[in-house]
Amino acid sequence: MTETVDTQAPPEPPGGRTYNGWTRNDTLEDYSLRYAPKSFRRWSPYVVATTALGGIAYLADFAIGGSIAVSHGFSSALVAILTAAVVIFLTGIPISYYSAKYSIDMDLLTRGAGFGYLGSTLTSVIYASFTFIFFALEGSIMAQALELGLHIPLPVGYVVCSLVILPLVVYGMTALSRMQVWTQPVWLVLMVAPFVSVAIQEPAKFSEFTHFAGDSPTGSAISVLGVGAGAGVALSLIAQIGEQVDYLRFMPDKTPENSGRWWAAVLGAGPGWVVLGALKQIGGAFLAFCIADGVGLGKADEPIQQYVHGFGTFAAPVALGLATFFVILSQVKINSTNAYSGSLSWSNFFSRLTHRHPGRVVYIFLNVGIALALMEGGVFGFLNTVLGFYSNVAIAWIGAVVADLVINKPLRLSPSYIEFKRAHLYRFNPVGFGSMLIASAVSVAAYFDAFGAYGKAFSPFLALVLAMVLSPLFAVLTRGRYYIARTDDLQEPLLGPDGLPSAAVLTCAVCATDFERPDMAACPFHQGSVCSLCCSLEKDCHDSCKGGTPGPVLLAPPAVRSGDGPAPG
C-alpha cells in the first residue's frame, strides 16, 4: 500500500519573506529546491523504487532500438545498445548512491560535485532539455497511437498528449507514487506479451532477426562506424539517471535494519533502469525487423506500428485497440516523470538567475509548453540527429560529476560530502564546470566532422573520457580550493547521534518557517539561520558571508571535523 502525506499547506509565516500557496504546500512543491527532509520521506524503499522504475515505461526505447537497427543493421545495433548500456549503468551507480544518501536531486548533487552554485545553472538547462526533448518524443509516439487508433489528427493529438499529463504532475511524488505502483503490473504484462507470442508461434523469427540489414551499406555485419553512431544515439539516455534520482532522493535513511532493501532499491531503480531500457531497445529493433516488409523501413521504428503487429500475433481482432491503450498508458507513465523532473530543473535554474520562486507547479507549464512546440515542429522525424547531438553535451556533464564522485573524493581531492547550499559554495568551480565545457565543446566539434568520420561516430565517448580526465586534473591544479567557500558554523550539529543527517528543526530567520538542520545555514546578513531556498532567493546580501579568497578543501562535514559523529553513511 502506498503511504500518504499531509496535503494541507502550512500557515502563512508571521513576517519576512512569504511564498504563495503553491510554494508553501509541500505536497505540490516536493522540496524542489532543497534537501528532502526525514519528515517528508515516509515512503518505503519498495514504493520509492517502484515509482522511479514506473517512469521508464517510455516507448522511445523501442523507437531508438528500431531506428538504430534500421540504420546500421542487426550486429552493429546490438553492440551499440549493449555498449551504451554498460556506460550508463556504471556512471549511474555513484550518482544514485550519493543522491539517495544525501536526499538531494541531480541539480543539487551537481552543485557540490565540482560545479559550484552558479556553475550548475548550465547543467539545469541541459537536464531540462532532456526532459522536454523526451516529453516531445514520447508525446509524438502517443499522438501516433491516437491517430491510428482513434483517428485524431496529429496536431490535435499533440495538444491532447500534453494536457492529459498536467493533473498528474501537479501533486508530485504523492500522486505519481500511487499511479506508478498500480499501473506497473499491467504495463509489464502488455510489454512482454508480443515477444512471448512470437516465441511460441514463430520462434524462427529470432534467428532470422540476426540477419536483418535494414538500410546499412554493410548489411547485418558489424560496422565500427555503425557501432559508434548507434551507441551515440543510445547514450542520449544517460541523463535519464537524473529522473531516477528525482525519486531516489525520497529514500529513507539507510540503517542496519533496512540496508539490504535500501541497496536493492537504489541499484535497481537507479542504474538498474538501463537493464530494462537496453532490453526494450533490442525489442524495438526486433519488432522493427518483424514489420519492415509490411509497413516499410520508414515506419518500422514507430512503436504503435510495432505493437499493432505484436498484439496481432495473438489478439488480432483487438490488436489496434490494445496497442493504442498500451501506448497511451506507457506515455502517461513516462511523460508524468518528464514533466515532473523538468519542473524541478527549471525551478533551480530560474531561482538562481532571477532570485524569485513562484513554485514548482509554474514550471510544469513551461516544460510542457516547450515540448508541445517541439512536437508540432515534427521532432520525431529527426530522432537520430537530435539525440546524437544531445548525447555529446549530456555525457560531458555526467562524466564530470561521476569523476568527482569516484575519483576526486576517494583521492581526497574534493570533500567527502555533498555541499549544495549557496551559503557555502563558490559561484563557479573550475573542476567540474570547466571539465564539462571543454569536453562538450571538443565532442560537439567532433560530431560536426572536425575529426573525421570516426571522430563523429565516437564523439560521445570522447566527451566522457575528456570529462573524467580533466576533472581530477583540475582538482589537483586548484588543490580543491573552489569547493567550499566557508565552514558550516551553525551551533546545531549537522549529524545526529546515529551518524545520520540531523532531524533537528530550526526556524528560518527570513520566512519564519521550520526546516531540518541539513537545509539550514548561518547567515550574518540576516543575523540568524536561513533555509536554503531563502538563501538562494536573497539578492541584497551579495554573498557577503563568503570571503573573496578561495580556502582549503574541507574533507568532511563540520560535525565530523569537530568530533560530533561519523560521516553520513
Protein backbone atom coordinates (compact mmCIF):
# COMPACT_ATOMS: atom_id res chain seq x y z
CA MET A 1 0.00 0.00 0.00
CA THR A 2 1.25 3.48 -0.82
CA GLU A 3 2.00 5.74 2.11
CA THR A 4 0.33 9.16 2.15
CA VAL A 5 1.45 12.55 3.37
CA ASP A 6 -0.41 15.59 4.62
CA THR A 7 -1.61 17.73 1.69
CA GLN A 8 -2.60 20.79 3.71
CA ALA A 9 -0.49 23.88 3.11
CA PRO A 10 1.28 25.30 6.17
CA PRO A 11 0.00 28.62 7.53
CA GLU A 12 1.40 31.92 6.33
CA PRO A 13 4.53 32.98 8.26
CA PRO A 14 4.06 35.92 10.61
CA GLY A 15 6.58 38.13 8.80
CA GLY A 16 9.58 38.35 6.50
CA ARG A 17 9.51 36.71 3.09
CA THR A 18 6.25 34.99 2.15
CA TYR A 19 5.57 32.43 -0.56
CA ASN A 20 2.39 31.72 -2.48
CA GLY A 21 0.17 28.76 -1.63
CA TRP A 22 1.68 26.52 -4.29
CA THR A 23 5.18 27.04 -2.93
CA ARG A 24 4.15 26.60 0.71
CA ASN A 25 2.32 23.33 0.03
CA ASP A 26 4.93 20.60 0.49
CA THR A 27 2.87 18.08 -1.48
CA LEU A 28 2.80 20.36 -4.52
CA GLU A 29 6.30 21.75 -4.13
CA ASP A 30 8.02 18.41 -3.30
CA TYR A 31 11.03 20.27 -1.85
CA SER A 32 12.04 21.13 -5.40
CA LEU A 33 14.97 23.39 -4.46
CA ARG A 34 16.17 21.85 -1.24
CA TYR A 35 17.07 18.82 0.83
CA ALA A 36 14.19 16.33 1.19
CA PRO A 37 13.67 16.13 4.99
CA LYS A 38 13.13 12.99 7.02
CA SER A 39 9.65 14.12 7.96
CA PHE A 40 8.61 14.01 4.29
CA ARG A 41 10.44 10.82 3.30
CA ARG A 42 7.76 8.44 4.60
CA TRP A 43 7.79 6.00 1.71
CA SER A 44 9.37 2.55 1.90
CA PRO A 45 12.33 1.64 -0.35
CA TYR A 46 9.95 -0.52 -2.39
CA VAL A 47 7.48 2.30 -3.09
CA VAL A 48 10.27 4.74 -3.99
CA ALA A 49 11.91 2.21 -6.31
CA THR A 50 8.62 1.24 -7.95
CA THR A 51 7.75 4.88 -8.55
CA ALA A 52 11.18 5.54 -10.06
CA LEU A 53 11.01 2.47 -12.30
CA GLY A 54 7.47 3.37 -13.37
CA GLY A 55 9.00 6.36 -15.07
CA ILE A 56 10.96 4.19 -17.51
CA ALA A 57 7.81 2.90 -19.19
CA TYR A 58 8.62 5.07 -22.15
CA LEU A 59 8.45 3.67 -25.68
CA ALA A 60 11.22 5.87 -27.06
CA ASP A 61 13.49 2.90 -26.33
CA PHE A 62 11.57 0.88 -28.92
CA ALA A 63 11.83 3.76 -31.39
CA ILE A 64 15.56 4.21 -30.68
CA GLY A 65 16.30 0.50 -31.00
CA GLY A 66 14.27 0.25 -34.18
CA SER A 67 15.96 3.32 -35.64
CA ILE A 68 19.47 2.06 -34.85
CA ALA A 69 18.73 -1.35 -36.35
CA VAL A 70 17.20 0.14 -39.49
CA SER A 71 20.17 2.48 -39.94
CA HIS A 72 23.05 0.12 -39.09
CA GLY A 73 21.82 -3.47 -39.22
CA PHE A 74 21.48 -6.12 -36.51
CA SER A 75 25.07 -6.71 -35.36
CA SER A 76 26.08 -3.06 -35.13
CA ALA A 77 22.82 -2.21 -33.38
CA LEU A 78 23.24 -4.96 -30.78
CA VAL A 79 26.83 -4.00 -29.92
CA ALA A 80 25.94 -0.31 -29.86
CA ILE A 81 22.99 -0.82 -27.49
CA LEU A 82 24.94 -3.05 -25.10
CA THR A 83 27.97 -0.75 -25.08
CA ALA A 84 25.85 2.28 -24.23
CA ALA A 85 24.03 0.29 -21.53
CA VAL A 86 27.28 -0.63 -19.78
CA VAL A 87 28.42 3.01 -19.77
CA ILE A 88 25.06 4.23 -18.46
CA PHE A 89 24.93 1.57 -15.74
CA LEU A 90 28.43 2.25 -14.42
CA THR A 91 28.02 6.04 -14.38
CA GLY A 92 24.62 5.72 -12.71
CA ILE A 93 25.86 3.85 -9.62
CA PRO A 94 27.68 6.71 -7.82
CA ILE A 95 25.06 9.30 -8.79
CA SER A 96 22.24 7.16 -7.40
CA TYR A 97 24.13 6.39 -4.20
CA TYR A 98 25.03 9.98 -3.35
CA SER A 99 21.57 11.28 -4.21
CA ALA A 100 19.82 8.71 -2.02
CA LYS A 101 22.38 9.16 0.75
CA TYR A 102 22.10 12.95 0.94
CA SER A 103 18.41 13.23 -0.14
CA ILE A 104 19.08 15.72 -2.93
CA ASP A 105 18.19 15.86 -6.62
CA MET A 106 20.52 15.91 -9.61
CA ASP A 107 20.91 19.67 -9.66
CA LEU A 108 21.92 19.94 -6.01
CA LEU A 109 24.25 16.98 -6.44
CA THR A 110 25.90 18.67 -9.42
CA ARG A 111 26.45 21.87 -7.44
CA GLY A 112 28.50 20.06 -4.83
CA ALA A 113 30.26 17.69 -7.22
CA GLY A 114 32.62 20.22 -8.74
CA PHE A 115 30.38 22.78 -10.45
CA GLY A 116 29.68 25.45 -7.84
CA TYR A 117 26.46 27.30 -7.13
CA LEU A 118 26.07 29.11 -10.47
CA GLY A 119 28.20 26.65 -12.40
CA SER A 120 25.38 24.11 -12.24
CA THR A 121 22.95 26.59 -13.82
CA LEU A 122 24.03 25.44 -17.26
CA THR A 123 23.52 21.80 -16.32
CA SER A 124 19.98 22.64 -15.20
CA VAL A 125 19.26 23.70 -18.76
CA ILE A 126 20.93 20.55 -20.12
CA TYR A 127 18.77 18.42 -17.85
CA ALA A 128 15.62 20.41 -18.59
CA SER A 129 16.38 19.93 -22.30
CA PHE A 130 16.48 16.18 -21.75
CA THR A 131 13.04 16.23 -20.13
CA PHE A 132 11.30 18.29 -22.79
CA ILE A 133 13.05 16.55 -25.72
CA PHE A 134 11.90 13.17 -24.46
CA PHE A 135 8.50 14.52 -23.49
CA ALA A 136 8.17 15.61 -27.12
CA LEU A 137 9.37 12.25 -28.47
CA GLU A 138 7.07 10.30 -26.15
CA GLY A 139 4.17 12.64 -26.85
CA SER A 140 4.73 12.15 -30.59
CA ILE A 141 4.55 8.38 -30.10
CA MET A 142 1.31 8.77 -28.15
CA ALA A 143 -0.13 11.07 -30.83
CA GLN A 144 0.74 8.47 -33.48
CA ALA A 145 -1.31 5.97 -31.48
CA LEU A 146 -4.23 8.40 -31.19
CA GLU A 147 -4.11 9.00 -34.93
CA LEU A 148 -4.02 5.31 -35.86
CA GLY A 149 -6.38 4.05 -33.16
CA LEU A 150 -8.84 6.94 -32.71
CA HIS A 151 -8.31 8.91 -35.96
CA ILE A 152 -7.30 12.07 -34.09
CA PRO A 153 -5.15 14.34 -36.33
CA LEU A 154 -1.55 14.58 -35.19
CA PRO A 155 -1.58 18.35 -34.37
CA VAL A 156 -4.64 17.86 -32.15
CA GLY A 157 -3.15 14.70 -30.66
CA TYR A 158 -0.04 16.62 -29.61
CA VAL A 159 -2.20 19.03 -27.60
CA VAL A 160 -4.17 16.18 -26.00
CA CYS A 161 -0.96 14.35 -25.08
CA SER A 162 0.33 17.48 -23.35
CA LEU A 163 -2.81 18.46 -21.44
CA VAL A 164 -3.55 14.99 -20.07
CA ILE A 165 -0.26 14.96 -18.14
CA LEU A 166 -0.76 18.18 -16.17
CA PRO A 167 -3.18 16.97 -13.44
CA LEU A 168 -0.93 14.04 -12.55
CA VAL A 169 2.25 16.08 -12.20
CA VAL A 170 0.86 18.92 -10.08
CA TYR A 171 0.76 16.73 -6.96
CA GLY A 172 4.30 15.42 -7.41
CA MET A 173 5.55 12.33 -5.64
CA THR A 174 2.31 11.86 -3.69
CA ALA A 175 0.19 11.33 -6.82
CA LEU A 176 2.89 9.78 -9.01
CA SER A 177 3.74 7.07 -6.48
CA ARG A 178 0.13 5.86 -6.49
CA MET A 179 -0.21 5.97 -10.27
CA GLN A 180 3.09 4.21 -10.99
CA VAL A 181 2.60 1.44 -8.40
CA TRP A 182 -0.90 0.50 -9.60
CA THR A 183 -0.18 0.63 -13.35
CA GLN A 184 3.18 -1.14 -13.36
CA PRO A 185 1.93 -4.78 -13.45
CA VAL A 186 -0.47 -4.07 -16.33
CA TRP A 187 2.23 -2.31 -18.30
CA LEU A 188 4.77 -5.11 -17.81
CA VAL A 189 2.35 -7.81 -18.99
CA LEU A 190 1.40 -5.87 -22.11
CA MET A 191 5.01 -5.03 -22.93
CA VAL A 192 6.26 -8.63 -22.97
CA ALA A 193 3.14 -10.27 -24.41
CA PRO A 194 4.08 -9.87 -28.13
CA PHE A 195 7.53 -11.37 -27.59
CA VAL A 196 6.08 -14.38 -25.77
CA SER A 197 3.55 -14.83 -28.56
CA VAL A 198 6.21 -14.72 -31.29
CA ALA A 199 8.42 -17.13 -29.30
CA ILE A 200 5.54 -19.62 -29.19
CA GLN A 201 4.17 -19.20 -32.71
CA GLU A 202 7.17 -18.13 -34.81
CA PRO A 203 10.38 -18.98 -32.93
CA ALA A 204 12.36 -18.89 -36.17
CA LYS A 205 11.85 -15.12 -36.28
CA PHE A 206 14.53 -14.63 -33.65
CA SER A 207 17.24 -16.35 -35.71
CA GLU A 208 16.09 -14.51 -38.85
CA PHE A 209 16.45 -11.25 -36.94
CA THR A 210 20.22 -11.75 -36.71
CA HIS A 211 20.41 -11.27 -40.48
CA PHE A 212 18.44 -8.04 -40.57
CA ALA A 213 20.37 -5.45 -42.60
CA GLY A 214 17.97 -2.51 -42.64
CA ASP A 215 19.41 0.37 -44.64
CA SER A 216 23.00 -0.37 -43.61
CA PRO A 217 25.51 -0.33 -46.50
CA THR A 218 27.44 -3.09 -44.71
CA GLY A 219 24.39 -5.31 -44.26
CA SER A 220 23.88 -7.14 -40.97
CA ALA A 221 27.62 -7.40 -40.22
CA ILE A 222 29.35 -5.26 -37.62
CA SER A 223 30.48 -1.82 -38.72
CA VAL A 224 32.75 0.17 -36.42
CA LEU A 225 31.19 3.42 -37.59
CA GLY A 226 27.73 1.93 -37.16
CA VAL A 227 28.50 0.87 -33.60
CA GLY A 228 29.79 4.33 -32.71
CA ALA A 229 26.88 6.18 -34.30
CA GLY A 230 24.31 3.82 -32.78
CA ALA A 231 25.86 4.00 -29.33
CA GLY A 232 25.85 7.79 -29.58
CA VAL A 233 22.08 7.79 -30.06
CA ALA A 234 21.55 5.34 -27.18
CA LEU A 235 23.87 7.35 -24.92
CA SER A 236 21.50 10.32 -25.14
CA LEU A 237 19.59 8.42 -22.46
CA ILE A 238 22.43 8.84 -19.98
CA ALA A 239 20.65 11.85 -18.47
CA GLN A 240 17.76 9.54 -17.52
CA ILE A 241 19.65 8.94 -14.27
CA GLY A 242 18.60 12.46 -13.29
CA GLU A 243 14.94 11.45 -13.45
CA GLN A 244 15.67 8.32 -11.44
CA VAL A 245 17.33 10.26 -8.62
CA ASP A 246 14.50 12.80 -8.58
CA TYR A 247 12.64 9.92 -6.91
CA LEU A 248 15.56 8.26 -5.12
CA ARG A 249 16.08 11.43 -3.05
CA PHE A 250 12.95 10.36 -1.16
CA MET A 251 14.57 7.15 0.03
CA PRO A 252 14.54 6.69 3.81
CA ASP A 253 17.89 6.89 5.59
CA LYS A 254 19.97 3.74 5.26
CA THR A 255 20.15 1.88 8.57
CA PRO A 256 21.48 -1.56 9.58
CA GLU A 257 17.88 -2.79 9.60
CA ASN A 258 16.97 -1.70 6.05
CA SER A 259 20.42 -1.83 4.44
CA GLY A 260 19.64 -4.73 2.09
CA ARG A 261 16.34 -3.26 0.91
CA TRP A 262 17.93 0.19 0.61
CA TRP A 263 20.74 -1.01 -1.64
CA ALA A 264 18.40 -3.15 -3.75
CA ALA A 265 16.12 -0.15 -4.32
CA VAL A 266 18.96 2.27 -5.09
CA LEU A 267 20.74 -0.03 -7.53
CA GLY A 268 17.58 -1.45 -9.07
CA ALA A 269 15.79 1.86 -9.59
CA GLY A 270 18.95 3.89 -10.18
CA PRO A 271 21.43 2.42 -12.70
CA GLY A 272 19.24 -0.68 -12.98
CA TRP A 273 16.77 1.16 -15.20
CA VAL A 274 19.11 0.67 -18.15
CA VAL A 275 18.85 -3.12 -17.97
CA LEU A 276 15.20 -2.91 -18.93
CA GLY A 277 16.00 0.01 -21.20
CA ALA A 278 18.52 -1.99 -23.24
CA LEU A 279 16.12 -4.93 -23.47
CA LYS A 280 13.43 -2.57 -24.77
CA GLN A 281 15.81 -1.18 -27.38
CA ILE A 282 16.67 -4.68 -28.57
CA GLY A 283 12.96 -5.48 -28.52
CA GLY A 284 12.26 -2.40 -30.62
CA ALA A 285 14.90 -3.50 -33.11
CA PHE A 286 13.29 -6.95 -33.28
CA LEU A 287 9.77 -5.60 -33.81
CA ALA A 288 11.10 -3.19 -36.46
CA PHE A 289 12.51 -6.22 -38.29
CA CYS A 290 9.19 -8.02 -37.98
CA ILE A 291 7.16 -5.23 -39.57
CA ALA A 292 9.72 -3.78 -42.00
CA ASP A 293 8.32 -5.67 -45.00
CA GLY A 294 4.76 -4.73 -44.14
CA VAL A 295 4.97 -1.02 -43.29
CA GLY A 296 8.35 -0.13 -44.82
CA LEU A 297 11.58 0.89 -43.12
CA GLY A 298 10.34 4.48 -42.75
CA LYS A 299 7.62 3.47 -40.26
CA ALA A 300 9.32 0.42 -38.73
CA ASP A 301 10.59 2.45 -35.78
CA GLU A 302 7.10 3.66 -34.74
CA PRO A 303 6.09 1.82 -31.52
CA ILE A 304 2.40 1.93 -32.36
CA GLN A 305 3.08 0.05 -35.61
CA GLN A 306 5.35 -2.39 -33.78
CA TYR A 307 2.73 -3.23 -31.14
CA VAL A 308 -0.22 -3.44 -33.53
CA HIS A 309 1.73 -6.21 -35.25
CA GLY A 310 2.86 -7.72 -31.94
CA PHE A 311 -0.62 -7.92 -30.43
CA GLY A 312 -1.92 -9.11 -33.77
CA THR A 313 0.03 -12.34 -33.37
CA PHE A 314 -2.33 -13.48 -30.58
CA ALA A 315 -5.24 -10.99 -30.40
CA ALA A 316 -5.83 -9.87 -33.98
CA PRO A 317 -9.46 -8.65 -33.55
CA VAL A 318 -8.49 -6.20 -30.80
CA ALA A 319 -4.83 -5.62 -31.71
CA LEU A 320 -5.27 -1.97 -32.68
CA GLY A 321 -7.28 -1.11 -29.59
CA LEU A 322 -4.90 -2.99 -27.29
CA ALA A 323 -1.86 -1.35 -28.88
CA THR A 324 -3.43 2.09 -28.58
CA PHE A 325 -4.20 1.50 -24.89
CA PHE A 326 -0.67 0.24 -24.23
CA VAL A 327 0.97 3.21 -25.92
CA ILE A 328 -1.24 5.70 -24.07
CA LEU A 329 -0.56 4.01 -20.72
CA SER A 330 3.19 3.98 -21.37
CA GLN A 331 3.30 7.60 -22.40
CA VAL A 332 1.26 8.81 -19.43
CA LYS A 333 3.65 7.00 -17.09
CA ILE A 334 6.83 8.41 -18.61
CA ASN A 335 5.67 11.90 -19.52
CA SER A 336 4.46 12.40 -15.96
CA THR A 337 8.09 11.85 -14.96
CA ASN A 338 9.43 14.07 -17.75
CA ALA A 339 7.16 16.94 -16.78
CA TYR A 340 7.89 16.46 -13.06
CA SER A 341 11.67 16.35 -13.46
CA GLY A 342 11.59 19.28 -15.86
CA SER A 343 9.72 21.38 -13.31
CA LEU A 344 12.42 20.66 -10.73
CA SER A 345 15.20 21.65 -13.11
CA TRP A 346 13.56 24.86 -14.30
CA SER A 347 12.85 25.80 -10.67
CA ASN A 348 16.54 25.52 -9.86
CA PHE A 349 17.55 27.43 -12.99
CA PHE A 350 15.26 30.42 -12.59
CA SER A 351 15.65 30.74 -8.82
CA ARG A 352 19.37 31.33 -9.27
CA LEU A 353 19.05 33.78 -12.14
CA THR A 354 16.00 35.78 -11.03
CA HIS A 355 16.08 35.30 -7.23
CA ARG A 356 12.38 34.52 -7.43
CA HIS A 357 10.47 31.27 -6.98
CA PRO A 358 6.76 31.19 -7.89
CA GLY A 359 6.61 27.45 -7.19
CA ARG A 360 7.46 24.21 -8.99
CA VAL A 361 3.95 23.98 -10.45
CA VAL A 362 4.51 27.07 -12.63
CA TYR A 363 7.42 25.42 -14.41
CA ILE A 364 5.38 22.34 -15.29
CA PHE A 365 3.52 24.51 -17.78
CA LEU A 366 6.78 25.93 -19.16
CA ASN A 367 8.29 22.48 -19.72
CA VAL A 368 5.16 21.02 -21.28
CA GLY A 369 4.76 24.11 -23.47
CA ILE A 370 8.29 23.76 -24.92
CA ALA A 371 7.68 20.05 -25.54
CA LEU A 372 4.41 20.82 -27.32
CA ALA A 373 6.20 23.26 -29.62
CA LEU A 374 8.77 20.56 -30.49
CA MET A 375 6.02 18.05 -31.22
CA GLU A 376 4.22 20.45 -33.51
CA GLY A 377 7.59 21.05 -35.23
CA GLY A 378 7.95 17.32 -36.04
CA VAL A 379 10.83 16.42 -33.72
CA PHE A 380 10.17 12.67 -34.12
CA GLY A 381 11.29 12.86 -37.75
CA PHE A 382 14.78 13.95 -36.62
CA LEU A 383 15.17 11.34 -33.88
CA ASN A 384 18.74 10.20 -34.57
CA THR A 385 20.07 13.70 -35.26
CA VAL A 386 18.54 15.29 -32.16
CA LEU A 387 19.61 12.50 -29.80
CA GLY A 388 23.06 12.10 -31.35
CA PHE A 389 23.85 15.78 -30.84
CA TYR A 390 22.34 15.92 -27.34
CA SER A 391 24.33 12.94 -26.11
CA ASN A 392 27.62 14.83 -26.53
CA VAL A 393 26.62 17.53 -24.08
CA ALA A 394 24.81 15.26 -21.63
CA ILE A 395 27.63 12.77 -21.31
CA ALA A 396 30.19 15.53 -20.70
CA TRP A 397 28.08 16.72 -17.75
CA ILE A 398 27.52 13.23 -16.33
CA GLY A 399 31.18 12.33 -16.83
CA ALA A 400 32.37 15.36 -14.86
CA VAL A 401 30.00 14.59 -11.98
CA VAL A 402 30.98 10.92 -11.87
CA ALA A 403 34.68 11.75 -11.98
CA ASP A 404 34.30 13.89 -8.88
CA LEU A 405 32.37 11.18 -7.03
CA VAL A 406 34.54 8.17 -7.92
CA ILE A 407 38.00 9.73 -8.43
CA ASN A 408 38.30 13.07 -6.66
CA LYS A 409 36.57 12.10 -3.43
CA PRO A 410 38.42 8.80 -2.82
CA LEU A 411 41.71 10.61 -3.59
CA ARG A 412 40.72 13.41 -1.16
CA LEU A 413 40.89 15.97 -3.93
CA SER A 414 37.35 17.09 -3.06
CA PRO A 415 35.23 16.99 0.12
CA SER A 416 33.87 13.59 1.16
CA TYR A 417 30.37 15.01 1.41
CA ILE A 418 27.99 16.91 -0.89
CA GLU A 419 27.50 20.58 -0.07
CA PHE A 420 24.62 22.16 -2.01
CA LYS A 421 23.80 25.38 -0.15
CA ARG A 422 24.63 28.72 -1.73
CA ALA A 423 25.97 29.99 1.60
CA HIS A 424 28.84 27.50 1.49
CA LEU A 425 29.66 27.35 -2.24
CA TYR A 426 31.66 29.43 -4.67
CA ARG A 427 29.76 30.63 -7.69
CA PHE A 428 31.89 28.58 -10.07
CA ASN A 429 34.16 25.62 -9.53
CA PRO A 430 36.50 25.06 -12.49
CA VAL A 431 36.89 21.37 -11.62
CA GLY A 432 33.51 20.19 -12.88
CA PHE A 433 32.27 23.22 -14.77
CA GLY A 434 35.49 23.66 -16.74
CA SER A 435 35.78 19.95 -17.47
CA MET A 436 32.25 19.83 -18.84
CA LEU A 437 32.69 22.90 -21.04
CA ILE A 438 35.90 21.66 -22.62
CA ALA A 439 34.69 18.07 -23.05
CA SER A 440 31.38 19.09 -24.60
CA ALA A 441 32.98 21.69 -26.90
CA VAL A 442 35.51 19.18 -28.26
CA SER A 443 32.94 16.40 -28.68
CA VAL A 444 30.40 18.67 -30.39
CA ALA A 445 33.14 19.78 -32.78
CA ALA A 446 33.88 16.11 -33.43
CA TYR A 447 30.17 15.46 -34.02
CA PHE A 448 30.23 18.11 -36.74
CA ASP A 449 33.09 16.32 -38.57
CA ALA A 450 36.06 18.25 -37.13
CA PHE A 451 37.96 14.98 -36.63
CA GLY A 452 36.65 12.87 -39.47
CA ALA A 453 34.11 10.06 -39.66
CA TYR A 454 35.40 8.12 -36.67
CA GLY A 455 35.54 11.25 -34.52
CA LYS A 456 31.91 11.95 -35.38
CA ALA A 457 30.78 8.41 -34.65
CA PHE A 458 32.55 8.20 -31.28
CA SER A 459 32.15 11.82 -30.19
CA PRO A 460 30.13 10.95 -27.02
CA PHE A 461 32.90 8.62 -25.85
CA LEU A 462 35.41 11.41 -26.45
CA ALA A 463 33.29 13.67 -24.23
CA LEU A 464 33.19 11.05 -21.46
CA VAL A 465 36.94 10.40 -21.48
CA LEU A 466 37.84 14.09 -21.54
CA ALA A 467 35.47 14.95 -18.69
CA MET A 468 36.76 12.15 -16.48
CA VAL A 469 40.41 13.02 -17.15
CA LEU A 470 40.07 16.79 -16.82
CA SER A 471 38.11 16.73 -13.55
CA PRO A 472 40.83 15.21 -11.36
CA LEU A 473 43.47 17.20 -13.26
CA PHE A 474 41.72 20.48 -12.45
CA ALA A 475 41.15 19.31 -8.86
CA VAL A 476 44.90 18.81 -8.47
CA LEU A 477 45.75 22.13 -10.13
CA THR A 478 43.29 24.08 -7.96
CA ARG A 479 44.06 21.96 -4.86
CA GLY A 480 40.32 21.68 -4.25
CA ARG A 481 40.03 25.32 -3.14
CA TYR A 482 36.85 26.09 -5.05
CA TYR A 483 34.57 23.51 -3.46
CA ILE A 484 33.75 25.10 -0.09
CA ALA A 485 33.64 28.86 0.38
CA ARG A 486 33.22 28.87 4.16
CA THR A 487 32.66 26.49 7.03
CA ASP A 488 29.27 25.47 8.35
CA ASP A 489 29.23 27.33 11.67
CA LEU A 490 25.69 26.71 12.95
CA GLN A 491 25.74 25.58 16.56
CA GLU A 492 23.30 22.73 15.94
CA PRO A 493 25.31 19.67 14.70
CA LEU A 494 24.73 18.62 11.11
CA LEU A 495 24.61 14.96 12.14
CA GLY A 496 22.56 13.25 14.82
CA PRO A 497 23.87 10.77 17.41
CA ASP A 498 23.21 7.93 14.96
CA GLY A 499 25.57 9.47 12.42
CA LEU A 500 22.70 10.26 10.05
CA PRO A 501 21.67 13.78 8.96
CA SER A 502 20.09 15.53 11.92
CA ALA A 503 16.31 15.78 12.08
CA ALA A 504 16.56 18.78 14.43
CA VAL A 505 14.30 21.61 13.29
CA LEU A 506 15.44 25.24 13.04
CA THR A 507 13.39 28.31 12.19
CA CYS A 508 14.39 30.36 9.16
CA ALA A 509 15.08 33.99 10.08
CA VAL A 510 13.66 35.14 6.73
CA CYS A 511 10.47 33.17 6.06
CA ALA A 512 9.85 32.14 9.70
CA THR A 513 9.28 28.52 8.62
CA ASP A 514 10.78 25.44 10.26
CA PHE A 515 13.20 23.24 8.33
CA GLU A 516 15.51 20.38 9.24
CA ARG A 517 19.15 21.10 10.03
CA PRO A 518 20.74 19.91 6.71
CA ASP A 519 18.73 22.57 4.87
CA MET A 520 19.89 25.45 7.07
CA ALA A 521 22.90 27.77 7.08
CA ALA A 522 24.12 30.55 9.33
CA CYS A 523 23.53 33.97 7.78
CA PRO A 524 25.39 37.04 9.10
CA PHE A 525 23.38 39.27 6.76
CA HIS A 526 20.09 38.28 8.42
CA GLN A 527 21.76 37.57 11.77
CA GLY A 528 20.30 34.10 12.13
CA SER A 529 19.89 30.79 10.38
CA VAL A 530 18.25 30.72 6.95
CA CYS A 531 16.82 27.92 4.82
CA SER A 532 18.49 27.06 1.53
CA LEU A 533 15.63 28.49 -0.54
CA CYS A 534 15.61 31.87 1.18
CA CYS A 535 19.39 31.91 0.82
CA SER A 536 19.06 31.22 -2.92
CA LEU A 537 16.49 33.96 -3.40
CA GLU A 538 18.33 36.65 -1.44
CA LYS A 539 19.60 39.33 -3.84
CA ASP A 540 20.75 42.06 -1.44
CA CYS A 541 23.46 40.23 0.51
CA HIS A 542 25.87 39.92 -2.47
CA ASP A 543 27.37 36.79 -0.86
CA SER A 544 28.76 38.88 2.00
CA CYS A 545 29.07 35.74 4.14
CA LYS A 546 31.87 34.44 1.95
CA GLY A 547 35.36 35.83 1.60
CA GLY A 548 36.91 36.50 -1.76
CA THR A 549 39.93 34.23 -1.33
CA PRO A 550 39.49 30.51 -2.01
CA GLY A 551 40.08 28.48 1.10
CA PRO A 552 41.43 24.96 1.65
CA VAL A 553 39.33 21.96 0.77
CA LEU A 554 37.19 20.70 3.66
CA LEU A 555 37.29 16.95 3.55
CA ALA A 556 34.49 16.19 5.98
CA PRO A 557 31.26 17.76 7.26
CA PRO A 558 31.62 20.13 10.22
CA ALA A 559 30.15 17.62 12.65
CA VAL A 560 32.79 15.09 11.70
CA ARG A 561 35.70 17.52 11.92
CA SER A 562 34.56 18.67 15.36
CA GLY A 563 34.22 15.13 16.60
CA ASP A 564 30.41 15.07 16.80
CA GLY A 565 29.95 11.86 14.89
CA PRO A 566 30.79 9.82 11.81
CA ALA A 567 30.12 10.92 8.26
CA PRO A 568 26.66 10.19 6.90
CA GLY A 569 26.55 6.63 5.71
